C-alpha cells in the first residue's frame, strides 16, 4: 500500500519506545503504535514526547501507523524567518 493511500490523522506522542517506535494518542482517545517513516529517518528528524505528529493509518490495520510529519510548535526562528513579514 502506497503512502498516499493512508488515512492521515493528527495525534500526540505519549510514549517513546525503541527503534523509532512510538505510542500516539489520537483526538478520539484511541492509542496506536507508530513508527517513523523512512524519509524522517533519512533526514534525522527527531520526535520526542509530547510532539504533535501526523500519522498515516492503514484502513486494514487501524492499530498501527506511520509517522509522516512532525508539527512545529514555537521554538527559535529558522534561517528564513527573519525576512518574512
N, C-alpha and C. Protein backbone atom coordinates (compact mmCIF):
# COMPACT_ATOMS: atom_id res chain seq x y z
N UNK A 1 0.84 -1.17 0.00
CA UNK A 1 0.00 0.00 0.00
C UNK A 1 0.89 1.24 0.00
N UNK A 2 0.60 2.16 -0.88
CA UNK A 2 1.40 3.37 -1.01
C UNK A 2 1.10 4.33 0.14
N UNK A 3 2.03 5.24 0.36
CA UNK A 3 1.87 6.21 1.43
C UNK A 3 0.70 7.15 1.17
N UNK A 4 0.35 7.34 -0.10
CA UNK A 4 -0.76 8.22 -0.45
C UNK A 4 -2.11 7.59 -0.10
N UNK A 5 -2.17 6.27 0.05
CA UNK A 5 -3.42 5.58 0.34
C UNK A 5 -3.76 5.57 1.82
N UNK A 6 -2.86 6.04 2.67
CA UNK A 6 -3.09 6.01 4.11
C UNK A 6 -3.99 7.17 4.55
N UNK A 7 -4.81 6.92 5.56
CA UNK A 7 -5.63 7.98 6.16
C UNK A 7 -4.73 8.77 7.10
N UNK A 8 -4.68 10.08 6.94
CA UNK A 8 -3.81 10.91 7.76
C UNK A 8 -4.59 11.48 8.94
N UNK A 9 -4.06 11.22 10.15
CA UNK A 9 -4.71 11.65 11.38
C UNK A 9 -3.66 12.34 12.25
N UNK A 10 -4.01 13.45 12.88
CA UNK A 10 -3.11 14.14 13.80
C UNK A 10 -3.24 13.52 15.18
N UNK A 11 -2.12 13.48 15.91
CA UNK A 11 -2.11 12.93 17.26
C UNK A 11 -0.95 13.49 18.05
N UNK A 12 -0.82 13.01 19.29
CA UNK A 12 0.23 13.45 20.20
C UNK A 12 1.02 12.23 20.66
N UNK A 13 2.34 12.34 20.64
CA UNK A 13 3.20 11.24 21.09
C UNK A 13 3.11 11.13 22.61
N UNK A 14 2.73 9.95 23.10
CA UNK A 14 2.58 9.75 24.54
C UNK A 14 3.66 8.86 25.13
N UNK A 15 4.35 8.08 24.29
CA UNK A 15 5.39 7.20 24.80
C UNK A 15 6.42 6.98 23.71
N UNK A 16 7.70 6.97 24.09
CA UNK A 16 8.79 6.75 23.15
C UNK A 16 9.34 5.36 23.43
N UNK A 17 9.34 4.52 22.40
CA UNK A 17 9.85 3.15 22.52
C UNK A 17 11.13 3.03 21.72
N UNK A 18 11.71 1.85 21.67
CA UNK A 18 12.99 1.66 20.99
C UNK A 18 12.80 1.55 19.48
N UNK A 19 13.89 1.75 18.75
CA UNK A 19 13.97 1.58 17.30
C UNK A 19 12.99 2.46 16.52
N UNK A 20 12.75 3.66 16.97
CA UNK A 20 11.89 4.57 16.22
C UNK A 20 10.42 4.25 16.31
N UNK A 21 10.01 3.54 17.35
CA UNK A 21 8.59 3.24 17.57
C UNK A 21 8.03 4.17 18.65
N UNK A 22 6.77 4.54 18.48
CA UNK A 22 6.13 5.47 19.39
C UNK A 22 4.70 5.04 19.65
N UNK A 23 4.15 5.48 20.79
CA UNK A 23 2.74 5.33 21.06
C UNK A 23 2.12 6.70 20.86
N UNK A 24 1.05 6.76 20.05
CA UNK A 24 0.43 8.03 19.69
C UNK A 24 -1.02 8.02 20.16
N UNK A 25 -1.42 9.11 20.82
CA UNK A 25 -2.80 9.28 21.28
C UNK A 25 -3.54 10.13 20.26
N UNK A 26 -4.65 9.62 19.74
CA UNK A 26 -5.45 10.35 18.76
C UNK A 26 -6.49 11.20 19.48
N UNK A 27 -7.04 12.23 18.82
CA UNK A 27 -8.05 13.07 19.47
C UNK A 27 -9.30 12.31 19.89
N UNK A 28 -9.58 11.17 19.23
CA UNK A 28 -10.75 10.37 19.59
C UNK A 28 -10.53 9.56 20.86
N UNK A 29 -9.30 9.57 21.40
CA UNK A 29 -8.99 8.82 22.61
C UNK A 29 -8.32 7.50 22.33
N UNK A 30 -8.28 7.07 21.10
CA UNK A 30 -7.66 5.81 20.72
C UNK A 30 -6.14 5.96 20.71
N UNK A 31 -5.42 4.92 21.12
CA UNK A 31 -3.96 4.92 21.05
C UNK A 31 -3.52 3.91 20.01
N UNK A 32 -2.41 4.20 19.36
CA UNK A 32 -1.88 3.27 18.38
C UNK A 32 -0.37 3.32 18.38
N UNK A 33 0.23 2.25 17.87
CA UNK A 33 1.68 2.17 17.74
C UNK A 33 2.05 2.76 16.38
N UNK A 34 3.08 3.58 16.35
CA UNK A 34 3.52 4.19 15.09
C UNK A 34 5.03 4.15 15.01
N UNK A 35 5.52 4.02 13.80
CA UNK A 35 6.97 4.05 13.58
C UNK A 35 7.30 5.22 12.67
N UNK A 36 8.55 5.65 12.70
CA UNK A 36 9.00 6.75 11.86
C UNK A 36 9.05 6.32 10.40
N UNK A 37 8.67 7.22 9.52
CA UNK A 37 8.78 6.91 8.10
C UNK A 37 10.25 6.97 7.69
N UNK A 38 10.55 6.38 6.56
CA UNK A 38 11.93 6.33 6.07
C UNK A 38 12.51 7.70 5.79
N UNK A 39 11.68 8.62 5.30
CA UNK A 39 12.16 9.96 5.00
C UNK A 39 12.53 10.69 6.28
N UNK A 40 11.77 10.48 7.37
CA UNK A 40 12.09 11.13 8.64
C UNK A 40 13.38 10.56 9.23
N UNK A 41 13.59 9.27 9.04
CA UNK A 41 14.85 8.66 9.48
C UNK A 41 16.02 9.19 8.65
N UNK A 42 15.81 9.32 7.35
CA UNK A 42 16.87 9.76 6.44
C UNK A 42 17.36 11.16 6.79
N UNK A 43 16.45 12.06 7.11
CA UNK A 43 16.82 13.44 7.41
C UNK A 43 16.99 13.70 8.91
N UNK A 44 17.04 12.64 9.72
CA UNK A 44 17.30 12.71 11.16
C UNK A 44 16.33 13.66 11.88
N UNK A 45 15.05 13.57 11.57
CA UNK A 45 14.04 14.40 12.24
C UNK A 45 13.71 13.75 13.57
N UNK A 46 13.92 14.48 14.65
CA UNK A 46 13.71 13.95 15.98
C UNK A 46 12.25 14.13 16.40
N UNK A 47 11.69 13.09 16.99
CA UNK A 47 10.35 13.16 17.55
C UNK A 47 10.49 12.83 19.03
N UNK A 48 9.97 13.70 19.88
CA UNK A 48 10.09 13.50 21.32
C UNK A 48 8.71 13.45 21.95
N UNK A 49 8.68 13.12 23.21
CA UNK A 49 7.44 13.00 23.97
C UNK A 49 6.69 14.33 23.95
N UNK A 50 5.39 14.28 23.62
CA UNK A 50 4.56 15.47 23.61
C UNK A 50 4.46 16.16 22.27
N UNK A 51 5.19 15.70 21.26
CA UNK A 51 5.13 16.32 19.94
C UNK A 51 3.80 16.01 19.25
N UNK A 52 3.30 16.99 18.48
CA UNK A 52 2.15 16.77 17.63
C UNK A 52 2.66 16.20 16.31
N UNK A 53 2.07 15.10 15.86
CA UNK A 53 2.52 14.44 14.64
C UNK A 53 1.32 14.08 13.76
N UNK A 54 1.59 13.89 12.48
CA UNK A 54 0.59 13.35 11.56
C UNK A 54 0.93 11.90 11.32
N UNK A 55 -0.05 11.03 11.54
CA UNK A 55 0.14 9.60 11.43
C UNK A 55 -0.66 9.08 10.25
N UNK A 56 -0.03 8.29 9.39
CA UNK A 56 -0.72 7.62 8.30
C UNK A 56 -1.18 6.27 8.80
N UNK A 57 -2.49 6.03 8.73
CA UNK A 57 -3.07 4.78 9.26
C UNK A 57 -3.69 4.00 8.11
N UNK A 58 -3.37 2.72 8.03
CA UNK A 58 -3.93 1.86 7.01
C UNK A 58 -5.37 1.50 7.36
N UNK A 59 -6.25 1.44 6.38
CA UNK A 59 -7.63 1.02 6.67
C UNK A 59 -7.73 -0.46 7.05
N UNK A 60 -6.70 -1.24 6.75
CA UNK A 60 -6.72 -2.66 7.04
C UNK A 60 -6.31 -2.98 8.47
N UNK A 61 -5.44 -2.15 9.06
CA UNK A 61 -4.99 -2.37 10.44
C UNK A 61 -4.90 -1.02 11.14
N UNK A 62 -5.99 -0.56 11.77
CA UNK A 62 -6.00 0.77 12.39
C UNK A 62 -5.26 0.85 13.73
N UNK A 63 -4.58 -0.21 14.15
CA UNK A 63 -3.84 -0.18 15.42
C UNK A 63 -2.37 0.18 15.21
N UNK A 64 -1.92 0.23 13.96
CA UNK A 64 -0.53 0.58 13.65
C UNK A 64 -0.51 1.72 12.64
N UNK A 65 0.53 2.54 12.74
CA UNK A 65 0.61 3.68 11.83
C UNK A 65 2.04 4.03 11.49
N UNK A 66 2.18 5.06 10.67
CA UNK A 66 3.47 5.53 10.19
C UNK A 66 3.51 7.04 10.40
N UNK A 67 4.49 7.52 11.16
CA UNK A 67 4.60 8.96 11.42
C UNK A 67 5.15 9.62 10.16
N UNK A 68 4.33 10.50 9.57
CA UNK A 68 4.69 11.14 8.31
C UNK A 68 5.22 12.55 8.49
N UNK A 69 4.79 13.24 9.57
CA UNK A 69 5.14 14.66 9.72
C UNK A 69 5.15 15.03 11.19
N UNK A 70 6.12 15.84 11.58
CA UNK A 70 6.19 16.41 12.93
C UNK A 70 5.84 17.88 12.82
N UNK A 71 4.85 18.33 13.60
CA UNK A 71 4.40 19.72 13.54
C UNK A 71 5.30 20.60 14.39
N UNK A 72 5.63 21.77 13.86
CA UNK A 72 6.46 22.72 14.59
C UNK A 72 5.61 23.49 15.57
N UNK A 73 6.11 23.66 16.78
CA UNK A 73 5.41 24.43 17.81
C UNK A 73 6.41 25.36 18.46
N UNK A 74 6.30 26.67 18.18
CA UNK A 74 7.18 27.65 18.81
C UNK A 74 8.63 27.39 18.44
N UNK A 75 9.52 27.60 19.38
CA UNK A 75 10.94 27.37 19.17
C UNK A 75 11.63 28.58 18.60
N UNK A 76 12.95 28.50 18.46
CA UNK A 76 13.70 29.63 17.91
C UNK A 76 13.40 29.80 16.42
N UNK A 77 13.57 31.00 15.89
CA UNK A 77 13.30 31.23 14.47
C UNK A 77 14.33 30.52 13.60
N UNK A 78 13.89 30.10 12.43
CA UNK A 78 14.78 29.44 11.47
C UNK A 78 15.53 30.46 10.65
N UNK A 79 16.42 30.02 9.76
CA UNK A 79 17.23 30.95 8.98
C UNK A 79 16.41 31.82 8.03
N UNK A 80 15.28 31.33 7.53
CA UNK A 80 14.48 32.10 6.61
C UNK A 80 13.37 32.90 7.25
N UNK A 81 13.24 32.85 8.56
CA UNK A 81 12.12 33.51 9.25
C UNK A 81 12.33 35.01 9.44
N UNK A 82 13.54 35.53 9.28
CA UNK A 82 13.80 36.94 9.52
C UNK A 82 13.28 37.83 8.39
N UNK A 83 13.21 37.28 7.19
CA UNK A 83 12.77 38.07 6.03
C UNK A 83 11.26 38.06 5.85
N UNK A 84 10.54 37.22 6.57
CA UNK A 84 9.08 37.13 6.41
C UNK A 84 8.41 38.27 7.15
N UNK A 85 7.30 38.75 6.59
CA UNK A 85 6.57 39.83 7.23
C UNK A 85 5.13 39.46 7.43
